[in-house]
Amino acid sequence: MSAKRFSTYGFLFLLTLLCATPAFSENIDVSGFVGVEGRLFTQSPKHTGQESGGEASIIVNPEFRYKKDNNQFSFIPFYRYDSRDNERTHFDIREAYWLHVKDDWEFLVGLNKVFWGVTESRHLVNIINQTDLVEDLDGEDYLGQPMINIAKYTDYGQFSVFVLPGFRERTFQGINGRLRGATLVDTHNAVYESGAEENHVDFAARWSHYFGDWDVGLSYFYGTSREPRIVLNTLATHLVPFYDIISQIGLDLQYTRDAWLWKLEAIGREGQGESFAAVTAGFEYTFYQIRDTAADLGFLTEYHFDGRHDDAPFVAFDNDVFAGVRLALNDIQDTSLLAGFSIDTDTTETFYNLEAERRFGDNYTAELRARFFTGSDAGEDGFETDKDDYIQLRLSRYF
């Protein structure tokens, strides 16, 4: 979506800011954070244009919410300035919507983020929003999606319908950026299966409910795939993203029993070559109040299977196992840690991940992340980024 077309959707969001006058101040909530972030890459770069050492970023992410009666306006802009990668320096509107609630109905118009799914290491069924790939490789940062969303709450579960006008293209690293392949992806000349290109109107629907210890969700999506295929352009001179029209059905399931959480996400997709299915399934077991403290320690294991063929978008999680531990000290500082690894059962390529967070005082947090890649040989999935091990520290001030 071009900046001009994107700004069209911003009209509604300006109304949100206009509400922020003294007459409305008692109903306005202002929050969010500003942060500084540093990444240190521990190995020399592999590809032309990349640089050694560290990079720094500044992040601004305020949140404005206005509530009165049955209406809510939300406006959440996001900006990152990166010292090295021009493509990672970017602005986005994560949320900017009007929500009206009446009885058992909800009606939402604007940009929003919607999350579906239950598993830890991969979010198969989550398909509404486009991934903001320059933010992080874990696929958990998303661009705001223009939408009309109608939801109905009944004794038989929640029913949601989405009309999605306006497609957001995936972000990719620039020539100076790390965590990329040898050949840059030309994001300015994306190709679409639909003649409407980024103006294609997509549709989605979801039903969710619970039955005792079971939580279940069923979803359907038809429209432009958020996962592009990376192909050569018509002149075979450079790589471009190709966005297919797909249909996808999804199932997310969670069973809770005492200290056990059993989780499953599964999809079936058509439209990117041969139809395929993919599954992520596993469990989390938690020891509560270990050694008579307030701390909880959880153990996680998940298995990934993806049956897509070579003509579908690349995916790393085709036959992999994830294992990890989650520690929550449940202290005043909200100290937490998640550590784990994913291993490809065919090639033994391994990805190690560490995430830790702690609050200082009332308004400051420190977040540590470390990612390491091992075991990749030429032609294997992780070979292009096997020199991009890094340690990242973010310091944020919340308000």
Protein backbone atom coordinates (compact mmCIF):
# COMPACT_ATOMS: atom_id res chain seq x y z
CA MET A 1 0.00 0.00 0.00
CA SER A 2 1.48 3.35 -1.02
CA ALA A 3 1.92 6.17 1.47
CA LYS A 4 -0.83 8.14 -0.30
CA ARG A 5 -3.35 5.33 -0.13
CA PHE A 6 -2.32 4.54 3.42
CA SER A 7 -3.00 8.14 4.43
CA THR A 8 -6.57 7.81 3.14
CA TYR A 9 -7.27 5.39 5.94
CA GLY A 10 -5.72 7.91 8.28
CA PHE A 11 -8.71 10.25 8.02
CA LEU A 12 -10.56 8.32 10.68
CA PHE A 13 -7.50 8.35 12.84
CA LEU A 14 -7.22 12.12 12.77
CA LEU A 15 -10.65 12.16 14.37
CA THR A 16 -9.11 10.25 17.22
CA LEU A 17 -6.62 13.03 17.82
CA LEU A 18 -9.29 15.70 17.56
CA CYS A 19 -10.98 14.06 20.53
CA ALA A 20 -7.92 14.90 22.61
CA THR A 21 -9.16 18.33 23.71
CA PRO A 22 -9.65 19.56 27.27
CA ALA A 23 -13.39 18.90 27.03
CA PHE A 24 -12.69 15.22 26.45
CA SER A 25 -9.58 14.84 28.62
CA GLU A 26 -11.30 12.96 31.42
CA ASN A 27 -12.04 10.11 28.99
CA ILE A 28 -8.60 9.94 27.39
CA ASP A 29 -5.93 7.44 28.34
CA VAL A 30 -2.36 8.11 27.18
CA SER A 31 0.26 5.37 27.53
CA GLY A 32 2.99 3.70 25.50
CA PHE A 33 6.77 3.93 25.61
CA VAL A 34 9.94 5.36 24.14
CA GLY A 35 13.03 3.20 24.01
CA VAL A 36 16.61 2.83 22.90
CA GLU A 37 17.86 -0.46 21.54
CA GLY A 38 21.26 -1.86 20.72
CA ARG A 39 22.17 -4.97 18.74
CA LEU A 40 25.62 -6.50 18.76
CA PHE A 41 26.36 -9.03 16.01
CA THR A 42 29.01 -11.42 17.25
CA GLN A 43 30.32 -12.55 13.84
CA SER A 44 31.52 -10.79 10.71
CA PRO A 45 28.82 -10.35 8.04
CA LYS A 46 28.35 -12.82 5.26
CA HIS A 47 26.91 -10.67 2.47
CA THR A 48 28.03 -7.62 0.52
CA GLY A 49 26.85 -4.34 2.01
CA GLN A 50 26.47 -5.59 5.57
CA GLU A 51 28.59 -4.22 8.38
CA SER A 52 30.23 -5.72 11.47
CA GLY A 53 29.61 -4.81 15.08
CA GLY A 54 26.61 -3.11 16.56
CA GLU A 55 23.65 -1.04 15.50
CA ALA A 56 21.42 1.25 17.53
CA SER A 57 17.76 2.21 17.32
CA ILE A 58 15.32 4.67 18.82
CA ILE A 59 11.69 3.57 19.17
CA VAL A 60 8.64 5.77 19.79
CA ASN A 61 5.36 3.94 20.44
CA PRO A 62 2.69 6.12 22.13
CA GLU A 63 -0.88 4.90 22.67
CA PHE A 64 -3.96 7.14 22.75
CA ARG A 65 -7.37 5.79 23.72
CA TYR A 66 -10.62 7.67 24.12
CA LYS A 67 -13.65 5.97 25.70
CA LYS A 68 -17.13 7.30 26.22
CA ASP A 69 -20.36 5.36 26.65
CA ASN A 70 -20.32 2.52 24.08
CA ASN A 71 -17.61 3.99 21.88
CA GLN A 72 -13.84 3.73 21.88
CA PHE A 73 -11.25 5.39 19.65
CA SER A 74 -7.71 4.02 19.57
CA PHE A 75 -4.63 5.51 17.94
CA ILE A 76 -1.23 3.78 18.23
CA PRO A 77 1.54 5.05 15.94
CA PHE A 78 4.94 3.38 15.81
CA TYR A 79 8.29 4.78 14.69
CA ARG A 80 11.77 3.29 14.65
CA TYR A 81 14.98 5.01 13.63
CA ASP A 82 17.80 2.56 12.93
CA SER A 83 21.41 3.70 12.70
CA ARG A 84 22.33 1.21 9.99
CA ASP A 85 19.44 -0.16 7.93
CA ASN A 86 17.32 2.42 6.08
CA GLU A 87 14.59 -0.17 5.57
CA ARG A 88 14.39 -0.79 9.31
CA THR A 89 13.85 2.93 9.85
CA HIS A 90 10.10 3.08 9.34
CA PHE A 91 6.77 4.44 10.52
CA ASP A 92 3.52 2.55 10.90
CA ILE A 93 0.09 3.00 12.43
CA ARG A 94 -0.43 -0.15 14.49
CA GLU A 95 -3.97 0.75 15.56
CA ALA A 96 -6.36 3.55 14.65
CA TYR A 97 -9.98 2.53 14.90
CA TRP A 98 -13.46 3.30 16.15
CA LEU A 99 -15.13 0.56 18.17
CA HIS A 100 -18.83 0.56 19.05
CA VAL A 101 -20.23 -1.97 21.52
CA LYS A 102 -23.95 -2.59 21.93
CA ASP A 103 -25.36 -5.51 23.88
CA ASP A 104 -23.71 -8.64 22.41
CA TRP A 105 -22.45 -6.90 19.27
CA GLU A 106 -19.17 -5.18 18.43
CA PHE A 107 -18.57 -3.05 15.33
CA LEU A 108 -15.02 -1.88 14.50
CA VAL A 109 -13.71 0.25 11.64
CA GLY A 110 -10.11 1.32 11.06
CA LEU A 111 -6.65 -0.17 11.43
CA ASN A 112 -6.22 -2.89 14.04
CA LYS A 113 -4.14 -5.88 15.04
CA VAL A 114 -5.86 -9.25 15.49
CA PHE A 115 -4.13 -12.27 17.00
CA TRP A 116 -5.34 -15.87 16.71
CA GLY A 117 -3.56 -18.95 18.05
CA VAL A 118 -2.25 -20.72 21.12
CA THR A 119 1.20 -22.19 20.38
CA GLU A 120 4.48 -20.60 21.48
CA SER A 121 7.03 -21.05 18.73
CA ARG A 122 4.93 -20.58 15.57
CA HIS A 123 1.58 -18.90 14.92
CA LEU A 124 0.10 -20.86 12.05
CA VAL A 125 -3.51 -19.67 12.14
CA ASN A 126 -2.68 -15.98 12.65
CA ILE A 127 -3.30 -14.49 9.21
CA ILE A 128 -5.09 -11.13 9.42
CA ASN A 129 -2.05 -8.86 9.82
CA GLN A 130 1.11 -8.59 7.77
CA THR A 131 4.41 -9.40 9.49
CA ASP A 132 6.72 -6.44 10.14
CA LEU A 133 9.81 -8.50 9.35
CA VAL A 134 12.39 -5.75 9.85
CA GLU A 135 11.37 -5.53 13.51
CA ASP A 136 12.29 -9.08 14.48
CA LEU A 137 12.73 -12.50 12.91
CA ASP A 138 10.28 -14.20 15.31
CA GLY A 139 7.28 -12.99 13.29
CA GLU A 140 5.51 -11.49 16.31
CA ASP A 141 5.47 -7.85 15.15
CA TYR A 142 2.65 -6.85 12.83
CA LEU A 143 1.59 -3.94 10.64
CA GLY A 144 -1.81 -2.38 11.24
CA GLN A 145 -4.49 -3.82 8.93
CA PRO A 146 -7.41 -1.77 7.55
CA MET A 147 -10.62 -3.60 8.39
CA ILE A 148 -14.30 -3.66 9.12
CA ASN A 149 -14.93 -6.18 11.91
CA ILE A 150 -18.33 -7.28 13.18
CA ALA A 151 -18.44 -9.61 16.19
CA LYS A 152 -21.36 -11.30 17.92
CA TYR A 153 -21.23 -12.99 21.34
CA THR A 154 -23.70 -15.83 21.91
CA ASP A 155 -24.19 -18.85 24.14
CA TYR A 156 -22.69 -20.85 21.27
CA GLY A 157 -19.46 -18.86 21.08
CA GLN A 158 -18.09 -15.71 19.49
CA PHE A 159 -18.64 -15.15 15.77
CA SER A 160 -16.43 -12.61 13.96
CA VAL A 161 -16.48 -11.46 10.33
CA PHE A 162 -13.74 -9.32 8.77
CA VAL A 163 -13.74 -7.28 5.58
CA LEU A 164 -10.13 -6.30 4.80
CA PRO A 165 -9.80 -3.48 2.22
CA GLY A 166 -6.20 -2.58 1.51
CA PHE A 167 -3.24 -4.93 1.62
CA ARG A 168 0.00 -4.24 3.52
CA GLU A 169 3.20 -5.53 1.93
CA ARG A 170 5.79 -7.34 4.05
CA THR A 171 8.87 -5.36 5.12
CA PHE A 172 12.35 -6.64 4.24
CA GLN A 173 15.87 -5.68 5.31
CA GLY A 174 17.92 -3.26 3.23
CA ILE A 175 21.42 -3.64 1.83
CA ASN A 176 23.08 -2.69 5.14
CA GLY A 177 20.76 -4.85 7.21
CA ARG A 178 21.64 -8.15 8.86
CA LEU A 179 19.37 -11.20 9.06
CA ARG A 180 18.91 -11.35 5.29
CA GLY A 181 20.00 -13.43 2.34
CA ALA A 182 22.67 -12.67 -0.23
CA THR A 183 20.23 -11.11 -2.71
CA LEU A 184 18.06 -8.16 -1.75
CA VAL A 185 14.30 -8.30 -2.15
CA ASP A 186 12.97 -5.40 -4.24
CA THR A 187 9.98 -4.27 -2.19
CA HIS A 188 9.14 -1.43 -4.60
CA ASN A 189 8.09 -3.73 -7.46
CA ALA A 190 5.94 -6.38 -5.80
CA VAL A 191 3.86 -8.61 -8.07
CA TYR A 192 0.28 -9.69 -7.37
CA GLU A 193 -1.85 -12.51 -8.69
CA SER A 194 -4.92 -10.27 -8.45
CA GLY A 195 -5.34 -7.49 -10.99
CA ALA A 196 -6.55 -5.31 -8.13
CA GLU A 197 -3.10 -5.70 -6.55
CA GLU A 198 -3.00 -4.14 -3.06
CA ASN A 199 -6.61 -2.96 -3.45
CA HIS A 200 -8.02 -6.49 -3.43
CA VAL A 201 -10.68 -6.84 -0.72
CA ASP A 202 -10.00 -9.86 1.49
CA PHE A 203 -12.42 -11.67 3.79
CA ALA A 204 -12.03 -13.66 7.00
CA ALA A 205 -14.26 -15.22 9.62
CA ARG A 206 -13.72 -16.94 12.96
CA TRP A 207 -15.76 -18.83 15.54
CA SER A 208 -14.34 -19.45 19.02
CA HIS A 209 -15.80 -21.07 22.13
CA TYR A 210 -14.91 -23.12 25.18
CA PHE A 211 -16.20 -26.46 26.40
CA GLY A 212 -15.09 -27.15 29.96
CA ASP A 213 -11.30 -27.45 29.81
CA TRP A 214 -11.23 -27.03 26.03
CA ASP A 215 -10.81 -23.78 24.07
CA VAL A 216 -11.37 -24.04 20.33
CA GLY A 217 -11.22 -21.69 17.36
CA LEU A 218 -12.13 -22.26 13.71
CA SER A 219 -11.16 -19.69 11.08
CA TYR A 220 -11.39 -19.07 7.34
CA PHE A 221 -9.50 -16.60 5.16
CA TYR A 222 -9.77 -15.72 1.49
CA GLY A 223 -7.60 -13.09 -0.12
CA THR A 224 -4.02 -11.95 -0.70
CA SER A 225 -1.51 -14.13 1.12
CA ARG A 226 0.48 -12.41 3.83
CA GLU A 227 3.34 -14.82 3.00
CA PRO A 228 4.89 -13.84 -0.36
CA ARG A 229 6.78 -16.13 -2.66
CA ILE A 230 10.19 -14.63 -3.49
CA VAL A 231 10.67 -14.90 -7.27
CA LEU A 232 12.76 -13.42 -10.07
CA ASN A 233 11.20 -10.46 -11.86
CA THR A 234 10.23 -10.74 -15.53
CA LEU A 235 13.70 -9.63 -16.64
CA ALA A 236 15.36 -12.14 -14.26
CA THR A 237 17.51 -9.37 -12.81
CA HIS A 238 16.41 -9.27 -9.16
CA LEU A 239 14.08 -10.81 -6.60
CA VAL A 240 10.59 -9.50 -5.93
CA PRO A 241 7.77 -10.61 -3.61
CA PHE A 242 4.83 -12.32 -5.32
CA TYR A 243 1.51 -12.25 -3.47
CA ASP A 244 -0.89 -15.05 -4.37
CA ILE A 245 -4.62 -15.24 -3.78
CA ILE A 246 -5.19 -18.04 -1.27
CA SER A 247 -7.91 -19.65 0.81
CA GLN A 248 -7.05 -21.05 4.23
CA ILE A 249 -8.93 -22.86 6.96
CA GLY A 250 -7.48 -22.92 10.47
CA LEU A 251 -7.99 -24.70 13.77
CA ASP A 252 -6.55 -23.70 17.15
CA LEU A 253 -7.16 -25.89 20.17
CA GLN A 254 -6.06 -25.73 23.80
CA TYR A 255 -6.76 -28.18 26.61
CA THR A 256 -6.08 -27.12 30.21
CA ARG A 257 -5.72 -29.69 32.96
CA ASP A 258 -4.07 -28.80 36.28
CA ALA A 259 -0.50 -27.74 35.41
CA TRP A 260 -0.75 -28.95 31.80
CA LEU A 261 -1.50 -26.91 28.69
CA TRP A 262 -1.90 -28.97 25.53
CA LYS A 263 -1.87 -26.86 22.35
CA LEU A 264 -2.49 -27.37 18.64
CA GLU A 265 -2.68 -25.17 15.57
CA ALA A 266 -3.40 -26.58 12.11
CA ILE A 267 -4.11 -25.09 8.68
CA GLY A 268 -5.03 -26.23 5.21
CA ARG A 269 -4.20 -23.84 2.35
CA GLU A 270 -4.93 -23.60 -1.37
CA GLY A 271 -3.57 -21.17 -3.92
CA GLN A 272 0.21 -21.47 -3.74
CA GLY A 273 0.86 -24.41 -6.01
CA GLU A 274 -0.41 -27.70 -4.64
CA SER A 275 -2.68 -27.60 -1.60
CA PHE A 276 -0.93 -28.37 1.67
CA ALA A 277 -1.47 -28.74 5.40
CA ALA A 278 0.67 -27.67 8.35
CA VAL A 279 0.52 -28.46 12.07
CA THR A 280 2.16 -27.18 15.25
CA ALA A 281 1.37 -29.18 18.39
CA GLY A 282 2.84 -29.50 21.86
CA PHE A 283 2.45 -28.87 25.55
CA GLU A 284 3.53 -26.68 28.45
CA TYR A 285 3.87 -28.02 32.00
CA THR A 286 4.35 -25.56 34.86
CA PHE A 287 5.73 -26.07 38.35
CA TYR A 288 4.10 -23.41 40.52
CA GLN A 289 5.76 -21.69 43.49
CA ILE A 290 9.01 -23.63 43.13
CA ARG A 291 11.03 -24.06 46.34
CA ASP A 292 8.31 -22.27 48.32
CA THR A 293 8.80 -19.02 46.39
CA ALA A 294 6.41 -17.06 44.18
CA ALA A 295 8.28 -18.20 41.05
CA ASP A 296 6.76 -20.46 38.40
CA LEU A 297 8.84 -22.65 36.06
CA GLY A 298 7.34 -24.03 32.86
CA PHE A 299 8.66 -26.55 30.35
CA LEU A 300 7.55 -26.32 26.70
CA THR A 301 7.81 -28.71 23.78
CA GLU A 302 6.28 -28.30 20.31
CA TYR A 303 6.58 -30.15 17.00
CA HIS A 304 6.23 -28.50 13.59
CA PHE A 305 5.17 -30.17 10.36
CA ASP A 306 4.63 -28.27 7.11
CA GLY A 307 3.69 -30.15 3.96
CA ARG A 308 4.10 -27.32 1.45
CA HIS A 309 5.89 -27.92 -1.84
CA ASP A 310 8.70 -25.97 -3.48
CA ASP A 311 6.30 -23.64 -5.32
CA ALA A 312 4.92 -22.30 -2.01
CA PRO A 313 6.65 -19.61 0.10
CA PHE A 314 9.74 -20.75 1.97
CA VAL A 315 9.26 -21.84 5.58
CA ALA A 316 11.90 -22.95 8.08
CA PHE A 317 9.51 -24.95 10.26
CA ASP A 318 8.91 -27.95 8.00
CA ASN A 319 9.98 -30.81 10.30
CA ASP A 320 11.30 -29.21 13.49
CA VAL A 321 11.14 -29.60 17.26
CA PHE A 322 11.07 -26.73 19.73
CA ALA A 323 11.92 -27.11 23.43
CA GLY A 324 12.23 -24.43 26.07
CA VAL A 325 11.71 -23.21 29.61
CA ARG A 326 9.72 -20.24 30.89
CA LEU A 327 10.53 -18.67 34.27
CA ALA A 328 8.28 -16.07 35.90
CA LEU A 329 9.51 -14.81 39.26
CA ASN A 330 6.15 -13.09 39.91
CA ASP A 331 7.99 -10.37 41.77
CA ILE A 332 7.32 -6.64 41.94
CA GLN A 333 9.64 -6.10 38.96
CA ASP A 334 7.77 -8.64 36.75
CA THR A 335 11.01 -10.51 36.03
CA SER A 336 10.62 -13.21 33.37
CA LEU A 337 12.75 -15.37 31.12
CA LEU A 338 12.09 -17.61 28.11
CA ALA A 339 14.91 -19.76 26.75
CA GLY A 340 14.74 -22.49 24.14
CA PHE A 341 15.92 -23.93 20.87
CA SER A 342 14.46 -25.25 17.62
CA ILE A 343 16.16 -28.08 15.74
CA ASP A 344 15.49 -29.33 12.23
CA THR A 345 15.12 -33.10 12.54
CA ASP A 346 16.35 -33.62 8.95
CA THR A 347 19.46 -31.41 8.91
CA THR A 348 20.13 -30.78 12.66
CA GLU A 349 20.24 -27.01 12.00
CA THR A 350 19.58 -25.38 15.36
CA PHE A 351 18.30 -21.97 16.41
CA TYR A 352 18.82 -20.84 20.03
CA ASN A 353 16.74 -18.09 21.58
CA LEU A 354 16.81 -16.25 24.91
CA GLU A 355 14.35 -13.55 26.00
CA ALA A 356 14.43 -11.87 29.43
CA GLU A 357 12.62 -8.85 30.83
CA ARG A 358 12.62 -6.90 34.10
CA ARG A 359 11.01 -3.64 35.25
CA PHE A 360 12.96 -0.98 37.15
CA GLY A 361 11.03 1.45 39.28
CA ASP A 362 7.56 2.33 38.07
CA ASN A 363 8.31 3.29 34.48
CA TYR A 364 11.44 1.60 33.13
CA THR A 365 12.01 -1.85 31.67
CA ALA A 366 15.03 -3.71 30.31
CA GLU A 367 14.61 -6.44 27.69
CA LEU A 368 17.41 -8.78 26.66
CA ARG A 369 17.32 -11.01 23.59
CA ALA A 370 19.99 -13.33 22.21
CA ARG A 371 19.72 -15.43 19.04
CA PHE A 372 22.27 -17.92 17.69
CA PHE A 373 22.35 -20.15 14.59
CA THR A 374 24.36 -23.36 14.24
CA GLY A 375 24.68 -26.40 12.02
CA SER A 376 23.79 -24.96 8.60
CA ASP A 377 25.50 -26.16 5.45
CA ALA A 378 25.29 -24.77 1.92
CA GLY A 379 21.83 -25.22 0.46
CA GLU A 380 20.11 -25.64 3.81
CA ASP A 381 17.45 -23.33 5.25
CA GLY A 382 19.57 -21.29 7.65
CA PHE A 383 22.77 -21.03 5.61
CA GLU A 384 22.10 -17.46 4.43
CA THR A 385 21.86 -16.11 7.99
CA ASP A 386 24.23 -18.41 9.88
CA LYS A 387 26.63 -15.52 10.61
CA ASP A 388 23.94 -13.28 12.08
CA ASP A 389 24.11 -14.30 15.75
CA TYR A 390 23.28 -11.30 17.89
CA ILE A 391 22.63 -10.00 21.39
CA GLN A 392 20.06 -7.23 21.82
CA LEU A 393 19.27 -4.95 24.75
CA ARG A 394 16.31 -2.55 24.86
CA LEU A 395 15.75 0.05 27.58
CA SER A 396 12.25 1.55 27.61
CA ARG A 397 10.53 4.31 29.47
CA TYR A 398 6.73 3.76 29.82
CA PHE A 399 4.26 6.56 30.46
